[in-house]
Amino acid sequence: MGEGSLCCLPVSIISQKLYFEINLYSSHSFVAFSSSRSQGYQNISGEWDMNESKGKENNIGQYIKEYGYKKALIVYGSERIKRNGLFDRVARSLKQSDIEFVEVGGVVSNPLLSKVNEAIGVAKESNVDAILAVGGGSVLDSVKTIAAGAKYAGDVWDFFIGKAVVRDALPLFSILTLA
């Protein structure tokens, strides 16, 4: 198996776990919650205007804590989020809510399996209980795969070739930086 790019995981991890999204730059945001299969399935969605969305990243720690998670893997693309202060705001919010975190940056457009495997390794070694994506579509594609891979003993590529089906995944939270 050579190095390939990941489009998206061909299964619905979102319907198995928790997914929370904050869109920083668009005029509307979507919030969805789905409980575990054993508890049934529930969706809650809502919209708010851009002025109400501003600064939501300052509360991400509180949102994660509300669901009982204690350690997150932050996954992001370029170092731009560090240069523009977004990473610092997110880190401050997590620290204020007593959420520990580790990070993996460098997700590129058409994400690479090697970066996903790196993040899966960090998630497993660090014993995280949630994933926080900060970025756009490639970061989101990556974290869905990371969430499943972190709870799977085999090779994450098994999901893409039909050798395995996702049975469990870490919960996902995201801060979108798309326009």
N, C-alpha and C. Protein backbone atom coordinates (compact mmCIF):
# COMPACT_ATOMS: atom_id res chain seq x y z
N MET A 1 0.85 -1.18 0.00
CA MET A 1 0.00 0.00 0.00
C MET A 1 0.89 1.24 0.00
N GLY A 2 0.74 2.10 -0.98
CA GLY A 2 1.54 3.31 -1.06
C GLY A 2 0.86 4.45 -0.33
N GLU A 3 1.57 5.58 -0.29
CA GLU A 3 1.02 6.78 0.34
C GLU A 3 -0.09 7.30 -0.54
N GLY A 4 -1.24 7.50 0.00
CA GLY A 4 -2.37 8.00 -0.76
C GLY A 4 -3.02 9.14 -0.04
N SER A 5 -3.97 9.77 -0.69
CA SER A 5 -4.69 10.83 -0.02
C SER A 5 -6.04 10.29 0.42
N LEU A 6 -6.58 10.89 1.46
CA LEU A 6 -7.86 10.47 2.00
C LEU A 6 -8.91 11.45 1.53
N CYS A 7 -9.95 10.96 0.94
CA CYS A 7 -11.05 11.86 0.61
C CYS A 7 -11.94 11.97 1.83
N CYS A 8 -12.58 10.92 2.14
CA CYS A 8 -13.39 10.90 3.36
C CYS A 8 -13.71 9.45 3.70
N LEU A 9 -13.94 9.21 4.95
CA LEU A 9 -14.23 7.87 5.41
C LEU A 9 -15.63 7.47 4.96
N PRO A 10 -15.77 6.33 4.29
CA PRO A 10 -17.07 5.97 3.71
C PRO A 10 -18.05 5.37 4.70
N VAL A 11 -18.06 5.87 5.91
CA VAL A 11 -19.01 5.42 6.93
C VAL A 11 -19.43 6.63 7.74
N SER A 12 -20.53 6.51 8.42
CA SER A 12 -21.01 7.63 9.20
C SER A 12 -20.57 7.50 10.66
N ILE A 13 -19.42 8.07 10.96
CA ILE A 13 -18.96 8.09 12.34
C ILE A 13 -19.83 9.07 13.13
N ILE A 14 -20.26 10.12 12.48
CA ILE A 14 -21.03 11.14 13.17
C ILE A 14 -22.28 10.55 13.81
N SER A 15 -22.89 9.58 13.17
CA SER A 15 -24.11 9.00 13.73
C SER A 15 -23.82 8.09 14.92
N GLN A 16 -22.55 7.79 15.16
CA GLN A 16 -22.20 6.91 16.27
C GLN A 16 -21.74 7.68 17.50
N LYS A 17 -21.27 8.87 17.33
CA LYS A 17 -20.67 9.60 18.43
C LYS A 17 -21.14 11.05 18.43
N LEU A 18 -20.44 11.84 19.18
CA LEU A 18 -20.78 13.23 19.36
C LEU A 18 -20.05 14.09 18.34
N TYR A 19 -20.73 15.04 17.76
CA TYR A 19 -20.09 15.95 16.82
C TYR A 19 -20.60 17.35 17.11
N PHE A 20 -19.69 18.26 17.34
CA PHE A 20 -20.05 19.64 17.64
C PHE A 20 -19.23 20.54 16.75
N GLU A 21 -19.85 21.48 16.11
CA GLU A 21 -19.16 22.29 15.12
C GLU A 21 -19.41 23.77 15.35
N ILE A 22 -18.36 24.55 15.24
CA ILE A 22 -18.48 26.01 15.29
C ILE A 22 -17.85 26.54 14.02
N ASN A 23 -18.60 27.25 13.22
CA ASN A 23 -18.05 27.83 12.01
C ASN A 23 -17.70 29.28 12.31
N LEU A 24 -16.40 29.58 12.29
CA LEU A 24 -15.95 30.91 12.67
C LEU A 24 -16.26 31.99 11.65
N TYR A 25 -16.25 31.63 10.38
CA TYR A 25 -16.27 32.66 9.36
C TYR A 25 -17.50 32.68 8.48
N SER A 26 -18.35 31.69 8.56
CA SER A 26 -19.52 31.72 7.71
C SER A 26 -20.67 32.38 8.46
N SER A 27 -21.69 32.73 7.73
CA SER A 27 -22.79 33.45 8.36
C SER A 27 -23.70 32.54 9.16
N HIS A 28 -23.60 31.25 8.98
CA HIS A 28 -24.43 30.30 9.73
C HIS A 28 -23.58 29.16 10.25
N SER A 29 -23.99 28.59 11.33
CA SER A 29 -23.29 27.44 11.89
C SER A 29 -24.30 26.33 12.16
N PHE A 30 -23.84 25.13 12.09
CA PHE A 30 -24.67 23.96 12.33
C PHE A 30 -24.12 23.22 13.53
N VAL A 31 -24.98 22.84 14.40
CA VAL A 31 -24.58 22.08 15.58
C VAL A 31 -25.36 20.78 15.55
N ALA A 32 -24.67 19.67 15.65
CA ALA A 32 -25.36 18.38 15.65
C ALA A 32 -24.88 17.55 16.82
N PHE A 33 -25.78 16.84 17.44
CA PHE A 33 -25.42 15.91 18.50
C PHE A 33 -26.04 14.58 18.18
N SER A 34 -25.26 13.56 18.28
CA SER A 34 -25.83 12.22 18.18
C SER A 34 -25.28 11.39 19.33
N SER A 35 -26.15 10.77 20.04
CA SER A 35 -25.72 9.96 21.17
C SER A 35 -25.26 8.60 20.66
N SER A 36 -24.71 7.79 21.54
CA SER A 36 -24.23 6.47 21.13
C SER A 36 -25.41 5.61 20.68
N ARG A 37 -25.10 4.59 19.90
CA ARG A 37 -26.15 3.72 19.37
C ARG A 37 -26.98 3.10 20.47
N SER A 38 -26.35 2.77 21.57
CA SER A 38 -27.08 2.12 22.65
C SER A 38 -28.14 3.03 23.26
N GLN A 39 -27.96 4.32 23.08
CA GLN A 39 -28.91 5.29 23.63
C GLN A 39 -29.85 5.83 22.56
N GLY A 40 -29.73 5.35 21.34
CA GLY A 40 -30.57 5.85 20.27
C GLY A 40 -29.89 7.00 19.54
N TYR A 41 -30.59 7.62 18.63
CA TYR A 41 -30.02 8.66 17.78
C TYR A 41 -30.85 9.93 17.90
N GLN A 42 -30.16 11.02 18.03
CA GLN A 42 -30.84 12.30 18.22
C GLN A 42 -30.06 13.38 17.49
N ASN A 43 -30.73 14.26 16.79
CA ASN A 43 -30.09 15.40 16.14
C ASN A 43 -30.66 16.69 16.70
N ILE A 44 -29.79 17.61 16.95
CA ILE A 44 -30.21 18.95 17.34
C ILE A 44 -29.45 19.89 16.41
N SER A 45 -30.13 20.75 15.72
CA SER A 45 -29.41 21.67 14.85
C SER A 45 -29.94 23.07 15.05
N GLY A 46 -29.09 24.01 14.76
CA GLY A 46 -29.49 25.40 14.91
C GLY A 46 -28.60 26.30 14.10
N GLU A 47 -29.04 27.51 13.91
CA GLU A 47 -28.26 28.48 13.17
C GLU A 47 -28.16 29.75 13.98
N TRP A 48 -27.08 30.48 13.77
CA TRP A 48 -26.96 31.79 14.37
C TRP A 48 -26.22 32.68 13.40
N ASP A 49 -26.38 33.98 13.54
CA ASP A 49 -25.71 34.85 12.58
C ASP A 49 -24.25 35.04 12.98
N MET A 50 -23.47 35.61 12.05
CA MET A 50 -22.04 35.72 12.22
C MET A 50 -21.67 36.46 13.51
N ASN A 51 -22.42 37.50 13.85
CA ASN A 51 -22.10 38.25 15.05
C ASN A 51 -22.23 37.38 16.30
N GLU A 52 -23.20 36.48 16.31
CA GLU A 52 -23.35 35.58 17.45
C GLU A 52 -22.29 34.50 17.44
N SER A 53 -21.75 34.16 16.25
CA SER A 53 -20.74 33.10 16.14
C SER A 53 -19.36 33.58 16.58
N LYS A 54 -19.12 34.86 16.48
CA LYS A 54 -17.80 35.37 16.82
C LYS A 54 -17.45 35.05 18.27
N GLY A 55 -16.24 34.55 18.44
CA GLY A 55 -15.76 34.29 19.79
C GLY A 55 -16.16 32.94 20.35
N LYS A 56 -16.90 32.13 19.60
CA LYS A 56 -17.33 30.83 20.11
C LYS A 56 -16.13 29.94 20.43
N GLU A 57 -15.01 30.15 19.73
CA GLU A 57 -13.83 29.34 20.01
C GLU A 57 -13.31 29.58 21.43
N ASN A 58 -13.69 30.70 22.01
CA ASN A 58 -13.28 31.01 23.38
C ASN A 58 -14.00 30.14 24.41
N ASN A 59 -15.04 29.44 23.98
CA ASN A 59 -15.83 28.59 24.88
C ASN A 59 -15.73 27.10 24.56
N ILE A 60 -14.86 26.73 23.63
CA ILE A 60 -14.81 25.33 23.21
C ILE A 60 -14.46 24.40 24.38
N GLY A 61 -13.64 24.86 25.29
CA GLY A 61 -13.30 24.05 26.46
C GLY A 61 -14.53 23.74 27.29
N GLN A 62 -15.37 24.74 27.47
CA GLN A 62 -16.61 24.56 28.22
C GLN A 62 -17.51 23.54 27.53
N TYR A 63 -17.62 23.64 26.19
CA TYR A 63 -18.48 22.71 25.45
C TYR A 63 -17.97 21.28 25.61
N ILE A 64 -16.66 21.09 25.50
CA ILE A 64 -16.09 19.75 25.62
C ILE A 64 -16.28 19.22 27.04
N LYS A 65 -16.08 20.09 28.01
CA LYS A 65 -16.23 19.68 29.41
C LYS A 65 -17.67 19.27 29.73
N GLU A 66 -18.64 19.98 29.14
CA GLU A 66 -20.05 19.67 29.37
C GLU A 66 -20.38 18.22 29.06
N TYR A 67 -19.65 17.63 28.12
CA TYR A 67 -19.89 16.25 27.73
C TYR A 67 -18.99 15.28 28.49
N GLY A 68 -18.21 15.78 29.43
CA GLY A 68 -17.44 14.92 30.31
C GLY A 68 -16.08 14.50 29.81
N TYR A 69 -15.59 15.13 28.74
CA TYR A 69 -14.28 14.75 28.20
C TYR A 69 -13.19 15.53 28.90
N LYS A 70 -12.03 14.91 29.03
CA LYS A 70 -10.95 15.49 29.83
C LYS A 70 -9.65 15.72 29.07
N LYS A 71 -9.48 15.07 27.91
CA LYS A 71 -8.24 15.23 27.15
C LYS A 71 -8.54 15.15 25.66
N ALA A 72 -8.11 16.16 24.94
CA ALA A 72 -8.41 16.25 23.51
C ALA A 72 -7.15 16.24 22.66
N LEU A 73 -7.30 15.71 21.47
CA LEU A 73 -6.28 15.84 20.44
C LEU A 73 -6.74 16.97 19.53
N ILE A 74 -5.94 18.02 19.43
CA ILE A 74 -6.23 19.12 18.49
C ILE A 74 -5.54 18.79 17.18
N VAL A 75 -6.30 18.78 16.10
CA VAL A 75 -5.77 18.52 14.77
C VAL A 75 -6.02 19.76 13.93
N TYR A 76 -4.97 20.23 13.24
CA TYR A 76 -5.12 21.44 12.42
C TYR A 76 -4.23 21.33 11.19
N GLY A 77 -4.42 22.28 10.29
CA GLY A 77 -3.64 22.30 9.05
C GLY A 77 -2.35 23.08 9.22
N SER A 78 -2.35 24.27 8.67
CA SER A 78 -1.12 25.07 8.67
C SER A 78 -0.90 25.77 10.01
N GLU A 79 0.27 26.32 10.13
CA GLU A 79 0.63 27.08 11.34
C GLU A 79 -0.09 28.44 11.40
N ARG A 80 -0.89 28.74 10.38
CA ARG A 80 -1.61 30.02 10.34
C ARG A 80 -2.44 30.21 11.60
N ILE A 81 -3.01 29.12 12.15
CA ILE A 81 -3.86 29.29 13.34
C ILE A 81 -3.04 29.71 14.55
N LYS A 82 -1.75 29.46 14.51
CA LYS A 82 -0.88 29.93 15.59
C LYS A 82 -0.48 31.39 15.35
N ARG A 83 -0.24 31.73 14.10
CA ARG A 83 0.14 33.11 13.78
C ARG A 83 -1.03 34.08 14.00
N ASN A 84 -2.26 33.65 13.72
CA ASN A 84 -3.38 34.58 13.84
C ASN A 84 -4.04 34.56 15.23
N GLY A 85 -3.50 33.75 16.14
CA GLY A 85 -3.99 33.75 17.52
C GLY A 85 -5.12 32.78 17.82
N LEU A 86 -5.66 32.11 16.80
CA LEU A 86 -6.76 31.18 17.02
C LEU A 86 -6.33 30.02 17.93
N PHE A 87 -5.17 29.46 17.69
CA PHE A 87 -4.71 28.35 18.52
C PHE A 87 -4.59 28.77 19.98
N ASP A 88 -4.07 29.96 20.23
CA ASP A 88 -3.93 30.45 21.60
C ASP A 88 -5.29 30.60 22.28
N ARG A 89 -6.29 31.09 21.55
CA ARG A 89 -7.63 31.25 22.13
C ARG A 89 -8.24 29.89 22.46
N VAL A 90 -8.06 28.94 21.56
CA VAL A 90 -8.58 27.59 21.79
C VAL A 90 -7.86 26.95 22.98
N ALA A 91 -6.53 27.05 23.01
CA ALA A 91 -5.75 26.46 24.10
C ALA A 91 -6.12 27.08 25.44
N ARG A 92 -6.31 28.38 25.45
CA ARG A 92 -6.70 29.07 26.69
C ARG A 92 -8.06 28.57 27.18
N SER A 93 -9.00 28.40 26.26
CA SER A 93 -10.32 27.92 26.62
C SER A 93 -10.25 26.50 27.19
N LEU A 94 -9.46 25.66 26.56
CA LEU A 94 -9.31 24.29 27.06
C LEU A 94 -8.68 24.28 28.45
N LYS A 95 -7.63 25.06 28.62
CA LYS A 95 -6.96 25.12 29.93
C LYS A 95 -7.89 25.65 31.02
N GLN A 96 -8.68 26.67 30.69
CA GLN A 96 -9.61 27.24 31.68
C GLN A 96 -10.67 26.23 32.10
N SER A 97 -10.94 25.26 31.25
CA SER A 97 -11.94 24.23 31.55
C SER A 97 -11.28 22.94 32.03
N ASP A 98 -9.99 23.01 32.32
CA ASP A 98 -9.24 21.84 32.79
C ASP A 98 -9.26 20.68 31.80
N ILE A 99 -9.24 21.01 30.51
CA ILE A 99 -9.15 20.00 29.46
C ILE A 99 -7.68 19.95 29.02
N GLU A 100 -7.05 18.81 29.22
CA GLU A 100 -5.69 18.62 28.72
C GLU A 100 -5.76 18.45 27.21
N PHE A 101 -4.63 18.73 26.52
CA PHE A 101 -4.63 18.52 25.08
C PHE A 101 -3.24 18.23 24.56
N VAL A 102 -3.22 17.55 23.44
CA VAL A 102 -2.03 17.33 22.63
C VAL A 102 -2.40 17.79 21.24
N GLU A 103 -1.41 17.96 20.38
CA GLU A 103 -1.72 18.51 19.06
C GLU A 103 -0.98 17.80 17.95
N VAL A 104 -1.60 17.79 16.78
CA VAL A 104 -0.97 17.35 15.55
C VAL A 104 -1.36 18.36 14.48
N GLY A 105 -0.38 19.03 13.93
CA GLY A 105 -0.61 19.99 12.86
C GLY A 105 -0.03 19.48 11.56
N GLY A 106 -0.28 20.25 10.51
CA GLY A 106 0.30 19.91 9.22
C GLY A 106 -0.58 19.12 8.28
N VAL A 107 -1.87 19.05 8.57
CA VAL A 107 -2.79 18.39 7.63
C VAL A 107 -2.83 19.25 6.37
N VAL A 108 -2.67 18.62 5.22
CA VAL A 108 -2.64 19.34 3.95
C VAL A 108 -3.91 19.05 3.15
N SER A 109 -4.13 19.84 2.10
CA SER A 109 -5.22 19.54 1.17
C SER A 109 -5.00 18.16 0.61
N ASN A 110 -6.06 17.42 0.38
CA ASN A 110 -5.95 16.02 -0.01
C ASN A 110 -5.08 15.29 1.03
N PRO A 111 -5.60 15.18 2.26
CA PRO A 111 -4.81 14.69 3.39
C PRO A 111 -4.15 13.34 3.14
N LEU A 112 -2.99 13.19 3.73
CA LEU A 112 -2.19 11.99 3.54
C LEU A 112 -2.42 10.98 4.67
N LEU A 113 -2.40 9.73 4.28
CA LEU A 113 -2.56 8.64 5.23
C LEU A 113 -1.47 8.68 6.30
N SER A 114 -0.27 9.08 5.94
CA SER A 114 0.83 9.13 6.91
C SER A 114 0.53 10.12 8.04
N LYS A 115 -0.08 11.25 7.73
CA LYS A 115 -0.42 12.23 8.77
C LYS A 115 -1.55 11.69 9.65
N VAL A 116 -2.51 11.02 9.05
CA VAL A 116 -3.60 10.42 9.81
C VAL A 116 -3.05 9.35 10.76
N ASN A 117 -2.16 8.51 10.25
CA ASN A 117 -1.56 7.49 11.11
C ASN A 117 -0.73 8.10 12.23
N GLU A 118 -0.04 9.20 11.95
CA GLU A 118 0.69 9.91 13.00
C GLU A 118 -0.28 10.36 14.10
N ALA A 119 -1.38 10.97 13.71
CA ALA A 119 -2.37 11.47 14.67
C ALA A 119 -3.03 10.33 15.45
N ILE A 120 -3.29 9.22 14.78
CA ILE A 120 -3.85 8.06 15.46
C ILE A 120 -2.88 7.59 16.54
N GLY A 121 -1.60 7.55 16.21
CA GLY A 121 -0.59 7.16 17.19
C GLY A 121 -0.55 8.09 18.38
N VAL A 122 -0.61 9.39 18.12
CA VAL A 122 -0.62 10.38 19.21
C VAL A 122 -1.86 10.20 20.07
N ALA A 123 -3.01 10.01 19.43
CA ALA A 123 -4.26 9.83 20.18
C ALA A 123 -4.19 8.61 21.10
N LYS A 124 -3.68 7.52 20.56
CA LYS A 124 -3.60 6.29 21.36
C LYS A 124 -2.57 6.43 22.49
N GLU A 125 -1.39 6.94 22.16
CA GLU A 125 -0.32 7.09 23.16
C GLU A 125 -0.71 8.06 24.27
N SER A 126 -1.45 9.09 23.92
CA SER A 126 -1.82 10.13 24.88
C SER A 126 -3.13 9.84 25.60
N ASN A 127 -3.81 8.78 25.16
CA ASN A 127 -5.07 8.38 25.78
C ASN A 127 -6.10 9.52 25.79
N VAL A 128 -6.27 10.16 24.63
CA VAL A 128 -7.27 11.22 24.53
C VAL A 128 -8.66 10.62 24.51
N ASP A 129 -9.64 11.41 24.93
CA ASP A 129 -11.02 10.92 24.89
C ASP A 129 -11.90 11.75 23.98
N ALA A 130 -11.30 12.70 23.24
CA ALA A 130 -12.04 13.52 22.28
C ALA A 130 -11.06 14.08 21.26
N ILE A 131 -11.59 14.48 20.12
CA ILE A 131 -10.78 15.12 19.08
C ILE A 131 -11.38 16.47 18.76
N LEU A 132 -10.52 17.47 18.64
CA LEU A 132 -10.93 18.82 18.26
C LEU A 132 -10.25 19.18 16.96
N ALA A 133 -11.03 19.33 15.90
CA ALA A 133 -10.52 19.77 14.61
C ALA A 133 -10.58 21.28 14.55
N VAL A 134 -9.50 21.90 14.10
CA VAL A 134 -9.47 23.33 13.87
C VAL A 134 -8.98 23.52 12.45
N GLY A 135 -9.90 23.79 11.55
CA GLY A 135 -9.50 23.93 10.15
C GLY A 135 -10.66 23.77 9.21
N GLY A 136 -10.33 23.38 7.98
CA GLY A 136 -11.33 23.25 6.93
C GLY A 136 -11.62 21.80 6.58
N GLY A 137 -12.00 21.59 5.34
CA GLY A 137 -12.47 20.28 4.89
C GLY A 137 -11.46 19.17 5.02
N SER A 138 -10.20 19.42 4.72
CA SER A 138 -9.19 18.37 4.82
C SER A 138 -8.95 17.96 6.25
N VAL A 139 -8.99 18.93 7.16
CA VAL A 139 -8.85 18.61 8.58
C VAL A 139 -10.05 17.79 9.03
N LEU A 140 -11.24 18.17 8.59
CA LEU A 140 -12.44 17.42 8.97
C LEU A 140 -12.42 16.00 8.41
N ASP A 141 -12.00 15.84 7.16
CA ASP A 141 -11.88 14.49 6.60
C ASP A 141 -10.90 13.67 7.43
N SER A 142 -9.80 14.29 7.79
CA SER A 142 -8.77 13.57 8.57
C SER A 142 -9.28 13.16 9.94
N VAL A 143 -9.95 14.05 10.65
CA VAL A 143 -10.34 13.71 12.02
C VAL A 143 -11.40 12.62 12.07
N LYS A 144 -12.24 12.51 11.05
CA LYS A 144 -13.20 11.41 11.04
C LYS A 144 -12.46 10.08 10.99
N THR A 145 -11.42 10.03 10.19
CA THR A 145 -10.63 8.82 10.08
C THR A 145 -9.81 8.59 11.35
N ILE A 146 -9.25 9.65 11.91
CA ILE A 146 -8.48 9.55 13.15
C ILE A 146 -9.37 9.06 14.28
N ALA A 147 -10.60 9.58 14.35
CA ALA A 147 -11.53 9.19 15.41
C ALA A 147 -11.81 7.69 15.38
N ALA A 148 -11.98 7.15 14.19
CA ALA A 148 -12.22 5.72 14.05
C ALA A 148 -10.94 4.92 14.30
N GLY A 149 -9.85 5.39 13.74
CA GLY A 149 -8.58 4.68 13.88
C GLY A 149 -8.07 4.61 15.31
N ALA A 150 -8.37 5.63 16.09
CA ALA A 150 -7.91 5.67 17.48
C ALA A 150 -8.58 4.59 18.33
N LYS A 151 -9.72 4.09 17.89
CA LYS A 151 -10.46 3.06 18.63
C LYS A 151 -10.38 1.70 17.94
N TYR A 152 -9.49 1.57 16.96
CA TYR A 152 -9.39 0.35 16.18
C TYR A 152 -7.98 -0.23 16.32
N ALA A 153 -7.88 -1.52 16.51
CA ALA A 153 -6.58 -2.16 16.71
C ALA A 153 -5.84 -2.42 15.40
N GLY A 154 -6.55 -2.44 14.28
CA GLY A 154 -5.93 -2.74 13.00
C GLY A 154 -5.47 -1.49 12.27
N ASP A 155 -5.21 -1.66 10.98
CA ASP A 155 -4.78 -0.58 10.11
C ASP A 155 -6.01 0.22 9.67
N VAL A 156 -6.00 1.52 9.84
CA VAL A 156 -7.15 2.36 9.50
C VAL A 156 -7.55 2.22 8.03
N TRP A 157 -6.62 1.84 7.19
CA TRP A 157 -6.92 1.66 5.77
C TRP A 157 -7.97 0.55 5.56
N ASP A 158 -8.08 -0.35 6.55
CA ASP A 158 -9.08 -1.41 6.48
C ASP A 158 -10.48 -0.86 6.25
N PHE A 159 -10.77 0.32 6.80
CA PHE A 159 -12.10 0.92 6.63
C PHE A 159 -12.33 1.33 5.19
N PHE A 160 -11.29 1.73 4.50
CA PHE A 160 -11.42 2.23 3.13
C PHE A 160 -11.53 1.10 2.11
N ILE A 161 -10.96 -0.05 2.44
CA ILE A 161 -10.99 -1.17 1.49
C ILE A 161 -12.07 -2.19 1.82
N GLY A 162 -12.89 -1.87 2.82
CA GLY A 162 -14.00 -2.73 3.17
C GLY A 162 -13.64 -3.93 4.01
N LYS A 163 -12.45 -3.95 4.53
CA LYS A 163 -12.01 -5.06 5.38
C LYS A 163 -12.57 -4.95 6.80
N ALA A 164 -12.95 -3.74 7.19
CA ALA A 164 -13.50 -3.50 8.53
C ALA A 164 -14.59 -2.44 8.44
N VAL A 165 -15.44 -2.46 9.43
CA VAL A 165 -16.52 -1.48 9.55
C VAL A 165 -16.30 -0.73 10.86
N VAL A 166 -16.54 0.55 10.86
CA VAL A 166 -16.36 1.34 12.08
C VAL A 166 -17.40 0.91 13.10
N ARG A 167 -16.94 0.51 14.26
CA ARG A 167 -17.81 0.11 15.36
C ARG A 167 -17.75 1.10 16.51
N ASP A 168 -16.68 1.86 16.56
CA ASP A 168 -16.49 2.82 17.64
C ASP A 168 -15.61 3.95 17.13
N ALA A 169 -15.72 5.10 17.73
CA ALA A 169 -14.92 6.25 17.33
C ALA A 169 -14.87 7.24 18.48
N LEU A 170 -13.80 8.01 18.53
CA LEU A 170 -13.74 9.09 19.51
C LEU A 170 -14.72 10.18 19.11
N PRO A 171 -15.27 10.92 20.07
CA PRO A 171 -16.16 12.03 19.74
C PRO A 171 -15.38 13.16 19.08
N LEU A 172 -16.05 13.86 18.19
CA LEU A 172 -15.44 14.96 17.43
C LEU A 172 -16.06 16.30 17.80
N PHE A 173 -15.20 17.28 17.94
CA PHE A 173 -15.61 18.66 18.06
C PHE A 173 -14.85 19.40 16.97
N SER A 174 -15.41 20.46 16.41
CA SER A 174 -14.64 21.17 15.39
C SER A 174 -14.88 22.68 15.45
N ILE A 175 -13.85 23.37 15.07
CA ILE A 175 -13.91 24.80 14.85
C ILE A 175 -13.52 24.99 13.39
N LEU A 176 -14.51 25.35 12.57
CA LEU A 176 -14.28 25.47 11.14
C LEU A 176 -13.70 26.84 10.81
N THR A 177 -12.73 26.82 9.92
CA THR A 177 -12.12 28.07 9.48
C THR A 177 -12.39 28.30 8.00
N LEU A 178 -13.48 27.74 7.48
CA LEU A 178 -13.80 27.96 6.08
C LEU A 178 -14.67 29.19 5.92
N ALA A 179 -14.59 29.74 4.73
CA ALA A 179 -15.42 30.91 4.43
C ALA A 179 -16.76 30.46 3.89
